[in-house]
Amino acid sequence: MVKIAVYGKGGIGKSTTVSNVSAALADMGYKVMQIGCDPKADSTASLHGRGSIATVLELVREHKNDFALEDMVCKGYGGVICVEAGGPTPGLGCAGRGIIAALEKLKEKGAYKEYRPDVVIYDVLGDVVCGGFSMPMRGGYADKVFVITSGENMAIHAAANIAVALDGFKDRGYASLGGIILNHRDVRDEDAKVAELASDIDSEVIGELTRSETVTDAEDLGKTVIEAFPESEMAEEYRTLAKRLIEICGIEHS
């Protein structure tokens, strides 16, 4: 089992990318678990099409520990196992607590032994990398971290902060940086800016995604591009990215 954490600034297209990669991997025959680590709890929505699912933090608040593993998960497109960490009551508590609770409860209730995924993908908000938001980077969780960015200044700033956090953790046996994914927003000098970022943090751009209305059209249908428009050029870009992650991380079929 390989564990991957994908970070990126809010609104950068992280959840869309992760869900399409999960769907692509599922189509290739891999067993995939996707864990949404964002308080909005919408990471897996396009995979399961249910609008919303019970989050781990909601279950903990309402039932303490009196709930089953099956209450935490649902199966989406291609059998992808979907989990949402959730967040606190608005205005109360720390959003990072939901991530900590989710990861601890998944281990405690034997999720990895029960479902035996080939790959676990954590979809993590990257505007902050402290507390619970750094949890997927820690030893025993993700093996590799990938950062999604565009050429927009704030996205690059967030990506650089994530790389700095990883560098600070490198002596603790935490996850290592696997590379940068460029999600094009067609801003001026975008390729050059992201290439400069990659050089500055001693990494590389391992995949690129075109800005496309196909993504919006799929989201309007509440589906991934892989499911809604499998023959599209955009679907092929997601498959190419999924294959690159397989290569970098050494993901194998169980």
Protein backbone atom coordinates (compact mmCIF):
# COMPACT_ATOMS: atom_id res chain seq x y z
CA MET A 1 0.00 0.00 0.00
CA VAL A 2 1.29 3.42 -1.03
CA LYS A 3 0.07 6.60 0.63
CA ILE A 4 0.11 9.91 -1.21
CA ALA A 5 -0.75 13.37 0.10
CA VAL A 6 -1.75 16.07 -2.37
CA TYR A 7 -1.51 19.65 -1.13
CA GLY A 8 -2.39 22.95 -2.75
CA LYS A 9 -3.92 26.33 -2.17
CA GLY A 10 -7.69 26.41 -1.72
CA GLY A 11 -9.44 26.78 -5.08
CA ILE A 12 -6.48 25.54 -7.12
CA GLY A 13 -8.39 22.51 -8.42
CA LYS A 14 -6.86 20.06 -5.98
CA SER A 15 -9.99 18.04 -5.19
CA THR A 16 -10.97 17.91 -8.86
CA THR A 17 -7.52 16.64 -9.76
CA VAL A 18 -7.36 14.10 -6.95
CA SER A 19 -10.83 12.71 -7.69
CA ASN A 20 -10.07 12.31 -11.38
CA VAL A 21 -6.76 10.61 -10.60
CA SER A 22 -8.57 8.29 -8.17
CA ALA A 23 -11.13 7.46 -10.86
CA ALA A 24 -8.39 6.87 -13.43
CA LEU A 25 -6.51 4.56 -11.07
CA ALA A 26 -9.73 2.66 -10.33
CA ASP A 27 -10.29 2.16 -14.05
CA MET A 28 -6.79 0.69 -14.23
CA GLY A 29 -7.78 -1.90 -11.66
CA TYR A 30 -6.23 -0.37 -8.54
CA LYS A 31 -8.01 -0.32 -5.19
CA VAL A 32 -8.14 3.34 -4.17
CA MET A 33 -9.04 5.12 -0.93
CA GLN A 34 -9.46 8.90 -1.08
CA ILE A 35 -9.51 10.86 2.18
CA GLY A 36 -10.72 14.45 2.03
CA CYS A 37 -8.79 16.54 4.57
CA ASP A 38 -10.57 19.85 4.02
CA PRO A 39 -13.23 21.24 6.40
CA LYS A 40 -15.57 21.78 3.42
CA ALA A 41 -15.84 17.97 3.16
CA ASP A 42 -16.41 18.00 -0.59
CA SER A 43 -13.28 16.24 -1.82
CA THR A 44 -15.05 13.03 -2.84
CA ALA A 45 -18.40 14.50 -3.99
CA SER A 46 -17.82 13.88 -7.70
CA LEU A 47 -16.94 10.25 -6.99
CA HIS A 48 -19.98 9.19 -4.98
CA GLY A 49 -22.60 11.63 -6.25
CA ARG A 50 -24.45 11.74 -2.95
CA GLY A 51 -24.10 15.44 -2.33
CA SER A 52 -22.57 14.88 1.09
CA ILE A 53 -21.54 12.01 3.33
CA ALA A 54 -21.12 11.79 7.10
CA THR A 55 -17.74 13.15 8.11
CA VAL A 56 -15.51 11.56 10.70
CA LEU A 57 -15.65 14.62 12.92
CA GLU A 58 -19.48 14.63 12.80
CA LEU A 59 -19.53 10.98 13.83
CA VAL A 60 -17.10 11.60 16.68
CA ARG A 61 -19.14 14.59 17.91
CA GLU A 62 -22.45 12.74 17.78
CA HIS A 63 -21.44 9.20 18.76
CA LYS A 64 -18.04 9.47 20.49
CA ASN A 65 -16.58 6.10 19.50
CA ASP A 66 -19.88 4.27 19.11
CA PHE A 67 -19.94 3.93 15.35
CA ALA A 68 -18.72 1.38 12.81
CA LEU A 69 -16.06 1.62 10.15
CA GLU A 70 -18.81 1.43 7.53
CA ASP A 71 -20.31 4.66 8.88
CA MET A 72 -17.12 6.52 7.98
CA VAL A 73 -16.85 5.42 4.37
CA CYS A 74 -18.82 5.07 1.19
CA LYS A 75 -17.87 3.55 -2.15
CA GLY A 76 -17.86 5.74 -5.21
CA TYR A 77 -17.00 5.42 -8.89
CA GLY A 78 -14.96 2.32 -9.67
CA GLY A 79 -15.16 1.22 -6.05
CA VAL A 80 -13.10 4.16 -4.78
CA ILE A 81 -13.40 4.21 -0.98
CA CYS A 82 -14.41 7.73 0.02
CA VAL A 83 -13.78 9.34 3.42
CA GLU A 84 -14.26 12.94 4.55
CA ALA A 85 -12.51 14.23 7.68
CA GLY A 86 -14.82 17.22 8.06
CA GLY A 87 -14.35 20.25 10.25
CA PRO A 88 -15.52 21.81 13.52
CA THR A 89 -18.72 23.71 14.15
CA PRO A 90 -18.20 27.08 12.40
CA GLY A 91 -16.44 29.49 14.73
CA LEU A 92 -15.50 26.77 17.19
CA GLY A 93 -12.47 24.54 17.39
CA CYS A 94 -9.57 23.84 15.06
CA ALA A 95 -10.10 22.62 11.50
CA GLY A 96 -6.94 20.54 11.71
CA ARG A 97 -8.57 18.48 14.44
CA GLY A 98 -10.82 16.83 11.87
CA ILE A 99 -7.82 15.53 9.97
CA ILE A 100 -6.21 14.14 13.12
CA ALA A 101 -9.51 12.49 14.17
CA ALA A 102 -10.06 10.99 10.72
CA LEU A 103 -6.63 9.45 10.40
CA GLU A 104 -6.62 8.13 13.97
CA LYS A 105 -10.12 6.64 13.63
CA LEU A 106 -9.34 5.00 10.30
CA LYS A 107 -6.35 3.25 11.87
CA GLU A 108 -8.21 2.44 15.08
CA LYS A 109 -11.13 0.85 13.24
CA GLY A 110 -8.92 -1.13 10.87
CA ALA A 111 -9.79 0.59 7.59
CA TYR A 112 -6.56 -0.29 5.83
CA LYS A 113 -6.75 -3.94 6.86
CA GLU A 114 -10.42 -4.19 5.91
CA TYR A 115 -10.27 -2.54 2.49
CA ARG A 116 -6.63 -3.26 1.62
CA PRO A 117 -6.21 -0.34 -0.80
CA ASP A 118 -3.30 -0.30 -3.22
CA VAL A 119 -3.12 3.47 -2.85
CA VAL A 120 -4.44 5.97 -0.31
CA ILE A 121 -4.69 9.59 -1.45
CA TYR A 122 -5.04 12.38 1.10
CA ASP A 123 -6.53 15.57 -0.36
CA VAL A 124 -5.21 18.31 1.92
CA LEU A 125 -5.82 22.05 2.05
CA GLY A 126 -2.45 23.72 1.55
CA ASP A 127 -2.96 27.30 2.66
CA VAL A 128 -1.74 26.24 6.09
CA VAL A 129 0.69 23.46 6.95
CA CYS A 130 0.58 23.46 10.74
CA GLY A 131 -1.18 21.26 13.29
CA GLY A 132 -3.59 18.76 11.79
CA PHE A 133 -2.94 19.97 8.28
CA SER A 134 0.60 18.63 8.49
CA MET A 135 -0.64 15.28 9.81
CA PRO A 136 -0.60 13.48 6.42
CA MET A 137 3.07 14.43 6.02
CA ARG A 138 4.04 12.67 9.21
CA GLY A 139 5.72 9.30 9.57
CA GLY A 140 3.32 6.39 9.12
CA TYR A 141 0.96 8.33 6.88
CA ALA A 142 1.97 9.62 3.42
CA ASP A 143 5.03 8.28 1.65
CA LYS A 144 5.08 11.07 -0.95
CA VAL A 145 3.65 14.58 -1.12
CA PHE A 146 2.65 16.22 -4.39
CA VAL A 147 1.82 19.90 -4.68
CA ILE A 148 -0.67 21.35 -7.15
CA THR A 149 -0.12 24.91 -8.28
CA SER A 150 -0.78 27.32 -11.10
CA GLY A 151 1.34 30.29 -12.10
CA GLU A 152 -0.70 32.60 -9.89
CA ASN A 153 1.38 34.26 -7.19
CA MET A 154 -0.67 33.09 -4.21
CA ALA A 155 -0.71 29.51 -5.46
CA ILE A 156 3.06 29.56 -5.91
CA HIS A 157 3.48 31.10 -2.45
CA ALA A 158 1.40 28.30 -0.89
CA ALA A 159 3.35 25.65 -2.81
CA ALA A 160 6.64 27.10 -1.59
CA ASN A 161 5.40 27.07 2.01
CA ILE A 162 4.47 23.40 1.71
CA ALA A 163 7.94 22.60 0.37
CA VAL A 164 9.53 24.52 3.27
CA ALA A 165 7.44 22.53 5.76
CA LEU A 166 8.51 19.25 4.17
CA ASP A 167 12.15 20.31 4.24
CA GLY A 168 11.81 21.09 7.93
CA PHE A 169 10.44 17.60 8.57
CA LYS A 170 12.97 15.69 6.45
CA ASP A 171 15.06 14.55 9.43
CA ARG A 172 12.03 13.05 11.18
CA GLY A 173 11.24 10.33 8.64
CA TYR A 174 8.27 12.20 7.24
CA ALA A 175 7.02 12.07 3.64
CA SER A 176 9.23 13.39 0.86
CA LEU A 177 8.26 15.73 -1.95
CA GLY A 178 7.33 13.78 -5.07
CA GLY A 179 6.92 16.72 -7.41
CA ILE A 180 4.72 19.56 -8.63
CA ILE A 181 1.55 19.29 -10.68
CA LEU A 182 0.86 22.35 -12.84
CA ASN A 183 -2.84 23.07 -13.17
CA HIS A 184 -2.87 25.75 -15.85
CA ARG A 185 -4.77 28.99 -15.29
CA ASP A 186 -3.22 30.58 -18.39
CA VAL A 187 -1.64 33.48 -16.53
CA ARG A 188 1.35 35.35 -17.94
CA ASP A 189 4.66 33.43 -17.88
CA GLU A 190 2.97 30.53 -16.11
CA ASP A 191 5.31 27.77 -17.29
CA ALA A 192 8.38 29.83 -16.45
CA LYS A 193 7.11 30.76 -12.98
CA VAL A 194 6.32 27.17 -12.04
CA ALA A 195 9.60 25.93 -13.50
CA GLU A 196 11.40 28.49 -11.34
CA LEU A 197 9.48 27.29 -8.27
CA ALA A 198 10.46 23.68 -9.03
CA SER A 199 14.11 24.70 -9.32
CA ASP A 200 13.99 26.72 -6.10
CA ILE A 201 12.65 23.79 -4.09
CA ASP A 202 14.85 21.20 -5.84
CA SER A 203 11.90 19.40 -7.42
CA GLU A 204 10.30 18.97 -10.84
CA VAL A 205 7.00 19.41 -12.63
CA ILE A 206 5.73 15.84 -12.96
CA GLY A 207 2.42 16.60 -14.68
CA GLU A 208 0.46 19.36 -16.39
CA LEU A 209 -3.28 19.87 -16.77
CA THR A 210 -4.90 22.11 -19.36
CA ARG A 211 -7.50 24.68 -18.41
CA SER A 212 -10.64 23.19 -19.95
CA GLU A 213 -14.39 23.68 -19.90
CA THR A 214 -14.71 19.89 -19.88
CA VAL A 215 -13.82 19.98 -16.18
CA THR A 216 -16.61 22.49 -15.46
CA ASP A 217 -19.08 20.49 -17.55
CA ALA A 218 -18.30 17.34 -15.56
CA GLU A 219 -18.63 19.19 -12.25
CA ASP A 220 -22.04 20.50 -13.35
CA LEU A 221 -23.06 16.85 -13.73
CA GLY A 222 -21.66 16.02 -10.29
CA LYS A 223 -19.15 13.60 -11.82
CA THR A 224 -15.46 13.30 -12.57
CA VAL A 225 -14.26 13.91 -16.12
CA ILE A 226 -13.19 10.27 -16.19
CA GLU A 227 -16.79 9.15 -15.66
CA ALA A 228 -18.68 11.87 -17.54
CA PHE A 229 -16.40 12.31 -20.57
CA PRO A 230 -14.09 9.27 -20.72
CA GLU A 231 -13.10 9.86 -24.34
CA SER A 232 -12.16 13.52 -23.85
CA GLU A 233 -8.66 14.95 -24.09
CA MET A 234 -8.99 16.06 -20.48
CA ALA A 235 -9.71 12.51 -19.32
CA GLU A 236 -6.54 11.40 -21.08
CA GLU A 237 -4.55 14.08 -19.25
CA TYR A 238 -5.77 12.74 -15.92
CA ARG A 239 -4.88 9.19 -16.98
CA THR A 240 -1.40 10.36 -17.95
CA LEU A 241 -0.98 12.00 -14.54
CA ALA A 242 -2.21 8.84 -12.80
CA LYS A 243 0.34 6.75 -14.70
CA ARG A 244 3.08 9.19 -13.70
CA LEU A 245 2.13 8.80 -10.03
CA ILE A 246 2.21 5.02 -10.43
CA GLU A 247 5.73 5.33 -11.84
CA ILE A 248 7.06 7.73 -9.19
CA CYS A 249 5.46 6.00 -6.19
CA GLY A 250 5.76 2.39 -7.34
CA ILE A 251 2.04 1.67 -6.89
CA GLU A 252 1.32 -2.03 -7.39
CA HIS A 253 -1.86 -4.08 -7.70
CA SER A 254 -2.65 -6.14 -4.63
